[in-house]
Amino acid sequence: MHSLASDLLAVTDAIGTSTSKPIFWLAISMGGAVVSRALQMRPEAVAGVVLLAPMISLTKVICDGSVFC
Protein backbone atom coordinates (compact mmCIF):
# COMPACT_ATOMS: atom_id res chain seq x y z
CA MET A 1 0.00 0.00 0.00
CA HIS A 2 2.87 2.35 0.83
CA SER A 3 4.39 2.07 -2.66
CA LEU A 4 1.02 2.75 -4.33
CA ALA A 5 0.55 5.83 -2.16
CA SER A 6 4.08 7.01 -3.01
CA ASP A 7 3.32 6.57 -6.71
CA LEU A 8 0.10 8.58 -6.33
CA LEU A 9 2.00 11.39 -4.64
CA ALA A 10 4.64 11.37 -7.40
CA VAL A 11 1.97 11.63 -10.12
CA THR A 12 0.24 14.41 -8.18
CA ASP A 13 3.52 16.31 -7.87
CA ALA A 14 4.12 15.99 -11.62
CA ILE A 15 0.62 17.24 -12.46
CA GLY A 16 0.83 20.01 -9.88
CA THR A 17 3.82 21.57 -11.59
CA SER A 18 1.84 22.00 -14.82
CA THR A 19 -1.31 23.61 -13.40
CA SER A 20 -2.29 26.33 -10.97
CA LYS A 21 -5.71 24.78 -10.37
CA PRO A 22 -6.42 22.80 -7.18
CA ILE A 23 -6.07 19.04 -7.41
CA PHE A 24 -8.68 16.64 -6.03
CA TRP A 25 -8.54 12.86 -5.76
CA LEU A 26 -11.52 10.57 -6.38
CA ALA A 27 -11.10 7.00 -5.12
CA ILE A 28 -13.26 3.89 -5.07
CA SER A 29 -12.73 0.74 -2.97
CA MET A 30 -9.00 -0.11 -2.79
CA GLY A 31 -8.22 3.33 -4.19
CA GLY A 32 -9.74 4.72 -1.00
CA ALA A 33 -7.16 2.86 1.04
CA VAL A 34 -4.36 4.14 -1.21
CA VAL A 35 -5.60 7.73 -0.97
CA SER A 36 -5.98 7.45 2.80
CA ARG A 37 -2.38 6.24 3.10
CA ALA A 38 -1.14 9.03 0.81
CA LEU A 39 -2.96 11.58 2.98
CA GLN A 40 -1.31 10.15 6.07
CA MET A 41 2.04 10.59 4.36
CA ARG A 42 1.36 14.13 3.07
CA PRO A 43 -1.99 15.70 4.06
CA GLU A 44 -1.30 18.91 2.14
CA ALA A 45 -0.85 17.09 -1.21
CA VAL A 46 -4.32 17.90 -2.57
CA ALA A 47 -7.15 20.37 -2.08
CA GLY A 48 -9.64 17.61 -1.26
CA VAL A 49 -10.74 14.01 -1.70
CA VAL A 50 -13.88 12.03 -2.45
CA LEU A 51 -13.91 8.44 -1.17
CA LEU A 52 -16.62 6.08 -2.46
CA ALA A 53 -16.92 2.82 -0.50
CA PRO A 54 -13.28 3.01 0.64
CA MET A 55 -11.52 -0.20 1.63
CA ILE A 56 -10.71 0.91 5.16
CA SER A 57 -11.80 -0.33 8.56
CA LEU A 58 -12.77 2.50 10.86
CA THR A 59 -13.13 0.08 13.78
CA LYS A 60 -9.39 -0.65 13.62
CA VAL A 61 -8.31 3.00 13.49
CA ILE A 62 -6.81 4.42 16.66
CA CYS A 63 -6.90 8.20 16.61
CA ASP A 64 -4.21 10.25 18.29
CA GLY A 65 -6.13 13.52 17.92
CA SER A 66 -4.68 14.42 14.53
CA VAL A 67 -6.80 15.17 11.47
CA PHE A 68 -5.89 11.84 9.89
CA CYS A 69 -5.69 8.92 12.28
C-alpha atoms as a PDB file:
ATOM      1  CA  MET A   1       0.000   0.000   0.000  1.00  0.00           C
ATOM      2  CA  HIS A   2       2.870   2.350   0.827  1.00  0.00           C
ATOM      3  CA  SER A   3       4.385   2.073  -2.657  1.00  0.00           C
ATOM      4  CA  LEU A   4       1.024   2.754  -4.330  1.00  0.00           C
ATOM      5  CA  ALA A   5       0.553   5.832  -2.158  1.00  0.00           C
ATOM      6  CA  SER A   6       4.078   7.008  -3.006  1.00  0.00           C
ATOM      7  CA  ASP A   7       3.320   6.566  -6.712  1.00  0.00           C
ATOM      8  CA  LEU A   8       0.095   8.577  -6.332  1.00  0.00           C
ATOM      9  CA  LEU A   9       2.001  11.394  -4.640  1.00  0.00           C
ATOM     10  CA  ALA A  10       4.638  11.368  -7.399  1.00  0.00           C
ATOM     11  CA  VAL A  11       1.974  11.633 -10.122  1.00  0.00           C
ATOM     12  CA  THR A  12       0.240  14.413  -8.182  1.00  0.00           C
ATOM     13  CA  ASP A  13       3.517  16.307  -7.874  1.00  0.00           C
ATOM     14  CA  ALA A  14       4.118  15.989 -11.625  1.00  0.00           C
ATOM     15  CA  ILE A  15       0.621  17.244 -12.462  1.00  0.00           C
ATOM     16  CA  GLY A  16       0.829  20.006  -9.875  1.00  0.00           C
ATOM     17  CA  THR A  17       3.817  21.570 -11.587  1.00  0.00           C
ATOM     18  CA  SER A  18       1.838  21.998 -14.819  1.00  0.00           C
ATOM     19  CA  THR A  19      -1.315  23.609 -13.398  1.00  0.00           C
ATOM     20  CA  SER A  20      -2.287  26.332 -10.974  1.00  0.00           C
ATOM     21  CA  LYS A  21      -5.715  24.776 -10.366  1.00  0.00           C
ATOM     22  CA  PRO A  22      -6.425  22.804  -7.184  1.00  0.00           C
ATOM     23  CA  ILE A  23      -6.065  19.037  -7.414  1.00  0.00           C
ATOM     24  CA  PHE A  24      -8.679  16.641  -6.031  1.00  0.00           C
ATOM     25  CA  TRP A  25      -8.537  12.864  -5.765  1.00  0.00           C
ATOM     26  CA  LEU A  26     -11.523  10.566  -6.385  1.00  0.00           C
ATOM     27  CA  ALA A  27     -11.105   7.005  -5.122  1.00  0.00           C
ATOM     28  CA  ILE A  28     -13.258   3.887  -5.069  1.00  0.00           C
ATOM     29  CA  SER A  29     -12.726   0.743  -2.966  1.00  0.00           C
ATOM     30  CA  MET A  30      -8.995  -0.110  -2.788  1.00  0.00           C
ATOM     31  CA  GLY A  31      -8.223   3.331  -4.192  1.00  0.00           C
ATOM     32  CA  GLY A  32      -9.740   4.725  -1.002  1.00  0.00           C
ATOM     33  CA  ALA A  33      -7.161   2.865   1.044  1.00  0.00           C
ATOM     34  CA  VAL A  34      -4.360   4.142  -1.211  1.00  0.00           C
ATOM     35  CA  VAL A  35      -5.604   7.731  -0.972  1.00  0.00           C
ATOM     36  CA  SER A  36      -5.983   7.448   2.797  1.00  0.00           C
ATOM     37  CA  ARG A  37      -2.385   6.244   3.101  1.00  0.00           C
ATOM     38  CA  ALA A  38      -1.142   9.028   0.809  1.00  0.00           C
ATOM     39  CA  LEU A  39      -2.962  11.583   2.976  1.00  0.00           C
ATOM     40  CA  GLN A  40      -1.311  10.149   6.071  1.00  0.00           C
ATOM     41  CA  MET A  41       2.045  10.594   4.365  1.00  0.00           C
ATOM     42  CA  ARG A  42       1.355  14.128   3.066  1.00  0.00           C
ATOM     43  CA  PRO A  43      -1.994  15.699   4.061  1.00  0.00           C
ATOM     44  CA  GLU A  44      -1.303  18.914   2.137  1.00  0.00           C
ATOM     45  CA  ALA A  45      -0.855  17.091  -1.207  1.00  0.00           C
ATOM     46  CA  VAL A  46      -4.316  17.904  -2.569  1.00  0.00           C
ATOM     47  CA  ALA A  47      -7.147  20.366  -2.079  1.00  0.00           C
ATOM     48  CA  GLY A  48      -9.642  17.613  -1.264  1.00  0.00           C
ATOM     49  CA  VAL A  49     -10.738  14.013  -1.701  1.00  0.00           C
ATOM     50  CA  VAL A  50     -13.879  12.033  -2.454  1.00  0.00           C
ATOM     51  CA  LEU A  51     -13.915   8.437  -1.168  1.00  0.00           C
ATOM     52  CA  LEU A  52     -16.622   6.080  -2.456  1.00  0.00           C
ATOM     53  CA  ALA A  53     -16.917   2.816  -0.500  1.00  0.00           C
ATOM     54  CA  PRO A  54     -13.280   3.012   0.638  1.00  0.00           C
ATOM     55  CA  MET A  55     -11.522  -0.198   1.626  1.00  0.00           C
ATOM     56  CA  ILE A  56     -10.712   0.914   5.158  1.00  0.00           C
ATOM     57  CA  SER A  57     -11.802  -0.326   8.562  1.00  0.00           C
ATOM     58  CA  LEU A  58     -12.768   2.500  10.863  1.00  0.00           C
ATOM     59  CA  THR A  59     -13.133   0.080  13.775  1.00  0.00           C
ATOM     60  CA  LYS A  60      -9.390  -0.646  13.621  1.00  0.00           C
ATOM     61  CA  VAL A  61      -8.314   2.996  13.492  1.00  0.00           C
ATOM     62  CA  ILE A  62      -6.808   4.416  16.661  1.00  0.00           C
ATOM     63  CA  CYS A  63      -6.901   8.197  16.610  1.00  0.00           C
ATOM     64  CA  ASP A  64      -4.213  10.251  18.291  1.00  0.00           C
ATOM     65  CA  GLY A  65      -6.128  13.520  17.921  1.00  0.00           C
ATOM     66  CA  SER A  66      -4.681  14.423  14.528  1.00  0.00           C
ATOM     67  CA  VAL A  67      -6.805  15.173  11.467  1.00  0.00           C
ATOM     68  CA  PHE A  68      -5.891  11.842   9.890  1.00  0.00           C
ATOM     69  CA  CYS A  69      -5.691   8.921  12.281  1.00  0.00           C
END
